[in-house]
């Protein structure tokens, strides 16, 4: 797995977060080198995933409690957005682990 592939996945995650409304558009436009590199970008993505999940679960709880202004369709959409973000994070983790294992096997 190359660095460009990882950068591509991160760019897709940023675009998805902006599209879903979980990250400001300025975050997506920032270059990774300017914002602290790969580790900072990964951390930012994880924070966005966590925020999406917290928001979705908060919406679900508000709906269950019968608070006004919380529609079932909004809750379901938020839960699906959080699920997609989480699954994307899992795939990034799996690819990072696979890349690490590949690099470690090259040294042997």
Protein backbone atom coordinates (compact mmCIF):
# COMPACT_ATOMS: atom_id res chain seq x y z
CA UNK A 1 0.00 0.00 0.00
CA UNK A 2 1.45 3.32 -1.02
CA UNK A 3 1.31 6.68 0.67
CA UNK A 4 -0.77 8.03 -2.20
CA UNK A 5 -3.42 5.36 -1.58
CA UNK A 6 -3.58 6.30 2.10
CA UNK A 7 -3.78 9.99 1.22
CA UNK A 8 -6.59 9.19 -1.21
CA UNK A 9 -8.58 7.40 1.50
CA UNK A 10 -8.04 10.30 3.89
CA UNK A 11 -9.21 12.76 1.24
CA UNK A 12 -12.35 10.67 0.75
CA UNK A 13 -12.94 10.63 4.51
CA UNK A 14 -12.56 14.41 4.66
CA UNK A 15 -14.98 14.89 1.77
CA UNK A 16 -17.51 12.56 3.39
CA UNK A 17 -17.23 14.39 6.71
CA UNK A 18 -17.76 17.76 5.03
CA UNK A 19 -20.68 16.39 3.02
CA UNK A 20 -22.26 14.93 6.14
CA UNK A 21 -21.80 18.20 7.99
CA UNK A 22 -19.40 16.88 10.62
CA UNK A 23 -16.37 18.92 9.58
CA UNK A 24 -15.98 22.48 8.32
CA UNK A 25 -15.09 22.90 4.65
CA UNK A 26 -11.80 24.54 5.63
CA UNK A 27 -10.67 21.24 7.19
CA UNK A 28 -11.08 19.46 3.87
CA UNK A 29 -9.08 22.10 2.04
CA UNK A 30 -6.12 21.98 4.43
CA UNK A 31 -3.08 20.14 3.13
CA UNK A 32 -1.86 17.27 5.34
CA UNK A 33 1.65 18.72 5.54
CA UNK A 34 0.30 22.02 6.84
CA UNK A 35 -1.87 20.44 9.53
CA UNK A 36 0.62 18.12 11.21
CA UNK A 37 0.95 15.24 8.78
CA UNK A 38 -0.58 11.81 8.63
CA UNK A 39 -0.93 11.24 12.38
CA UNK A 40 -2.82 14.50 12.87
CA UNK A 41 -5.07 13.72 9.92
CA UNK A 42 -5.81 10.25 11.26
CA UNK A 43 -6.59 11.67 14.70
CA UNK A 44 -8.88 14.30 13.15
CA UNK A 45 -10.72 11.60 11.23
CA UNK A 46 -11.20 9.54 14.39
CA UNK A 47 -12.53 12.58 16.23
CA UNK A 48 -14.98 13.21 13.38
CA UNK A 49 -16.14 9.58 13.50
CA UNK A 50 -16.63 9.81 17.25
CA UNK A 51 -18.52 13.08 16.86
CA UNK A 52 -20.81 11.54 14.25
CA UNK A 53 -21.56 8.62 16.54
CA UNK A 54 -22.18 10.83 19.57
CA UNK A 55 -24.51 13.07 17.56
CA UNK A 56 -26.44 10.09 16.17
CA UNK A 57 -26.82 8.45 19.56
CA UNK A 58 -27.90 11.78 21.06
CA UNK A 59 -30.53 12.15 18.35
CA UNK A 60 -31.74 8.59 18.98
CA UNK A 61 -32.01 9.22 22.71
CA UNK A 62 -33.88 12.48 22.12
CA UNK A 63 -36.32 10.66 19.84
CA UNK A 64 -36.84 7.90 22.41
CA UNK A 65 -37.58 10.50 25.08
CA UNK A 66 -40.15 12.12 22.78
CA UNK A 67 -38.48 15.51 22.53
CA UNK A 68 -40.15 17.77 19.98
CA UNK A 69 -38.38 18.50 16.70
CA UNK A 70 -36.67 15.12 16.43
CA UNK A 71 -38.03 13.09 13.53
CA UNK A 72 -37.48 9.37 13.08
CA UNK A 73 -36.15 9.81 9.54
CA UNK A 74 -33.50 12.28 10.80
CA UNK A 75 -32.46 9.83 13.50
CA UNK A 76 -32.17 6.97 11.01
CA UNK A 77 -30.14 9.07 8.56
CA UNK A 78 -27.79 10.21 11.34
CA UNK A 79 -27.33 6.64 12.54
CA UNK A 80 -26.51 5.48 9.00
CA UNK A 81 -24.02 8.33 8.52
CA UNK A 82 -22.32 7.35 11.75
CA UNK A 83 -22.26 3.71 10.67
CA UNK A 84 -20.72 4.56 7.28
CA UNK A 85 -18.10 6.74 8.96
CA UNK A 86 -17.28 3.96 11.43
CA UNK A 87 -17.02 1.32 8.69
CA UNK A 88 -14.73 3.62 6.71
CA UNK A 89 -12.54 4.03 9.78
CA UNK A 90 -12.37 0.27 10.19
CA UNK A 91 -11.32 -0.15 6.56
CA UNK A 92 -8.59 2.47 6.97
CA UNK A 93 -7.37 0.67 10.08
CA UNK A 94 -7.35 -2.67 8.25
CA UNK A 95 -5.35 -1.19 5.37
CA UNK A 96 -2.86 0.40 7.77
CA UNK A 97 -2.38 -2.91 9.56
CA UNK A 98 -1.93 -4.71 6.24
CA UNK A 99 0.61 -2.11 5.10
CA UNK A 100 2.48 -2.42 8.38
CA UNK A 101 2.56 -6.21 8.11
CA UNK A 102 3.81 -5.95 4.54
CA UNK A 103 6.60 -3.58 5.53
CA UNK A 104 7.59 -5.81 8.45
CA UNK A 105 7.72 -8.86 6.19
CA UNK A 106 10.06 -7.02 3.82
CA UNK A 107 12.67 -6.66 6.56
CA UNK A 108 12.88 -10.41 7.18
